[in-house]
C-alpha atoms as a PDB file:
ATOM      1  CA  MET A   1       2.897 -54.567 -75.060  1.00  0.00           C
ATOM      2  CA  ILE A   2       0.071 -55.908 -73.154  1.00  0.00           C
ATOM      3  CA  GLU A   3      -4.106 -56.068 -74.254  1.00  0.00           C
ATOM      4  CA  TYR A   4      -7.049 -55.430 -71.371  1.00  0.00           C
ATOM      5  CA  ASP A   5     -10.533 -54.377 -71.412  1.00  0.00           C
ATOM      6  CA  HIS A   6     -10.603 -50.767 -70.503  1.00  0.00           C
ATOM      7  CA  PHE A   7     -14.151 -49.180 -69.963  1.00  0.00           C
ATOM      8  CA  ASP A   8     -15.633 -52.158 -72.424  1.00  0.00           C
ATOM      9  CA  LYS A   9     -12.899 -51.056 -74.757  1.00  0.00           C
ATOM     10  CA  PRO A  10      -9.620 -53.120 -75.793  1.00  0.00           C
ATOM     11  CA  ALA A  11      -6.686 -51.312 -74.364  1.00  0.00           C
ATOM     12  CA  TYR A  12      -2.803 -51.237 -74.519  1.00  0.00           C
ATOM     13  CA  LYS A  13      -0.310 -50.485 -72.219  1.00  0.00           C
ATOM     14  CA  VAL A  14       3.824 -50.631 -72.391  1.00  0.00           C
ATOM     15  CA  LYS A  15       5.317 -50.275 -68.864  1.00  0.00           C
ATOM     16  CA  LYS A  16       2.293 -49.850 -67.055  1.00  0.00           C
ATOM     17  CA  LYS A  17       1.026 -46.809 -69.247  1.00  0.00           C
ATOM     18  CA  ILE A  18      -1.817 -46.949 -71.560  1.00  0.00           C
ATOM     19  CA  PHE A  19      -0.836 -45.805 -75.266  1.00  0.00           C
ATOM     20  CA  ALA A  20      -4.112 -46.997 -77.208  1.00  0.00           C
ATOM     21  CA  THR A  21      -7.616 -47.573 -76.842  1.00  0.00           C
ATOM     22  CA  LEU A  22      -9.924 -49.088 -79.877  1.00  0.00           C
ATOM     23  CA  TRP A  23     -13.428 -47.794 -80.183  1.00  0.00           C
ATOM     24  CA  LEU A  24     -14.416 -50.611 -82.897  1.00  0.00           C
ATOM     25  CA  ASP A  25     -18.012 -49.783 -83.035  1.00  0.00           C
ATOM     26  CA  GLU A  26     -17.046 -45.685 -83.828  1.00  0.00           C
ATOM     27  CA  LYS A  27     -14.175 -46.878 -86.095  1.00  0.00           C
ATOM     28  CA  ARG A  28     -11.537 -45.391 -84.763  1.00  0.00           C
ATOM     29  CA  ALA A  29      -8.769 -45.363 -82.048  1.00  0.00           C
ATOM     30  CA  VAL A  30      -7.739 -43.165 -79.587  1.00  0.00           C
ATOM     31  CA  VAL A  31      -3.628 -42.583 -79.523  1.00  0.00           C
ATOM     32  CA  LYS A  32      -1.488 -41.301 -76.892  1.00  0.00           C
ATOM     33  CA  LEU A  33       1.044 -38.778 -78.788  1.00  0.00           C
ATOM     34  CA  SER A  34       4.080 -36.966 -77.660  1.00  0.00           C
ATOM     35  CA  LYS A  35       3.990 -32.639 -77.662  1.00  0.00           C
ATOM     36  CA  LEU A  36       6.613 -33.598 -80.644  1.00  0.00           C
ATOM     37  CA  ASN A  37       4.870 -36.256 -82.567  1.00  0.00           C
ATOM     38  CA  LYS A  38       0.753 -34.559 -82.174  1.00  0.00           C
ATOM     39  CA  PRO A  39       1.863 -31.772 -84.708  1.00  0.00           C
ATOM     40  CA  ILE A  40       3.807 -33.800 -87.078  1.00  0.00           C
ATOM     41  CA  PHE A  41       1.026 -36.441 -87.427  1.00  0.00           C
ATOM     42  CA  CYS A  42      -2.302 -34.136 -87.171  1.00  0.00           C
ATOM     43  CA  GLU A  43      -0.799 -31.760 -89.677  1.00  0.00           C
ATOM     44  CA  GLU A  44       0.403 -34.169 -92.318  1.00  0.00           C
ATOM     45  CA  ASN A  45      -2.448 -36.795 -92.226  1.00  0.00           C
ATOM     46  CA  HIS A  46      -5.333 -34.907 -91.066  1.00  0.00           C
ATOM     47  CA  PRO A  47      -8.719 -36.005 -91.437  1.00  0.00           C
ATOM     48  CA  ALA A  48      -7.273 -38.859 -90.365  1.00  0.00           C
ATOM     49  CA  ILE A  49      -6.220 -37.720 -87.245  1.00  0.00           C
ATOM     50  CA  PHE A  50      -6.774 -35.381 -84.975  1.00  0.00           C
ATOM     51  CA  PRO A  51      -6.445 -33.888 -81.580  1.00  0.00           C
ATOM     52  CA  VAL A  52      -9.166 -34.529 -78.887  1.00  0.00           C
ATOM     53  CA  LYS A  53     -11.177 -32.116 -77.574  1.00  0.00           C
ATOM     54  CA  GLY A  54     -10.494 -30.656 -74.041  1.00  0.00           C
ATOM     55  CA  ALA A  55      -7.734 -31.559 -71.726  1.00  0.00           C
ATOM     56  CA  TRP A  56      -7.642 -35.159 -73.195  1.00  0.00           C
ATOM     57  CA  GLY A  57      -6.032 -33.454 -76.171  1.00  0.00           C
ATOM     58  CA  LYS A  58      -4.032 -31.411 -74.283  1.00  0.00           C
ATOM     59  CA  PHE A  59      -2.254 -34.356 -72.862  1.00  0.00           C
ATOM     60  CA  GLY A  60      -1.506 -36.036 -76.318  1.00  0.00           C
ATOM     61  CA  TRP A  61      -4.560 -37.906 -77.070  1.00  0.00           C
ATOM     62  CA  THR A  62      -5.269 -38.055 -80.412  1.00  0.00           C
ATOM     63  CA  TYR A  63      -8.172 -39.958 -82.531  1.00  0.00           C
ATOM     64  CA  VAL A  64      -7.215 -41.847 -85.482  1.00  0.00           C
ATOM     65  CA  ASN A  65     -10.144 -42.035 -88.363  1.00  0.00           C
ATOM     66  CA  LEU A  66      -9.470 -46.247 -89.067  1.00  0.00           C
ATOM     67  CA  ASN A  67     -11.625 -45.842 -92.686  1.00  0.00           C
ATOM     68  CA  GLU A  68      -9.271 -43.216 -93.472  1.00  0.00           C
ATOM     69  CA  ILE A  69      -5.532 -43.679 -92.103  1.00  0.00           C
ATOM     70  CA  LYS A  70      -2.889 -45.472 -94.180  1.00  0.00           C
ATOM     71  CA  GLU A  71      -1.614 -48.560 -92.884  1.00  0.00           C
ATOM     72  CA  ALA A  72       1.892 -47.699 -92.669  1.00  0.00           C
ATOM     73  CA  VAL A  73       0.823 -44.134 -91.005  1.00  0.00           C
ATOM     74  CA  LEU A  74      -1.040 -46.254 -87.947  1.00  0.00           C
ATOM     75  CA  LYS A  75       2.092 -48.631 -87.775  1.00  0.00           C
ATOM     76  CA  LYS A  76       4.174 -45.429 -87.638  1.00  0.00           C
ATOM     77  CA  LEU A  77       2.209 -44.620 -84.666  1.00  0.00           C
ATOM     78  CA  LEU A  78       1.734 -47.983 -82.518  1.00  0.00           C
ATOM     79  CA  ARG A  79       5.439 -47.871 -83.592  1.00  0.00           C
ATOM     80  CA  LEU A  80       6.570 -44.765 -81.633  1.00  0.00           C
ATOM     81  CA  HIS A  81       5.440 -46.853 -78.235  1.00  0.00           C
ATOM     82  CA  GLY A  82       7.234 -50.178 -78.844  1.00  0.00           C
END
């Protein structure tokens, strides 16, 4: 995993592809989920995890409310890419 700056936000890559960004001021992350994983995580953990609206959400990008998500669930999300 590589951390770098992406439009003034910390971003993380695996295999040269971004899988997450941190929006520190908004206390959220944006994580890319597969078509298989997105409905599982969004349905089980609402409102902490919900799809980004529009085209980005259709491609798997998903908001994570860092104030509401359980640490164990966040770790599971991040391990999907490791």
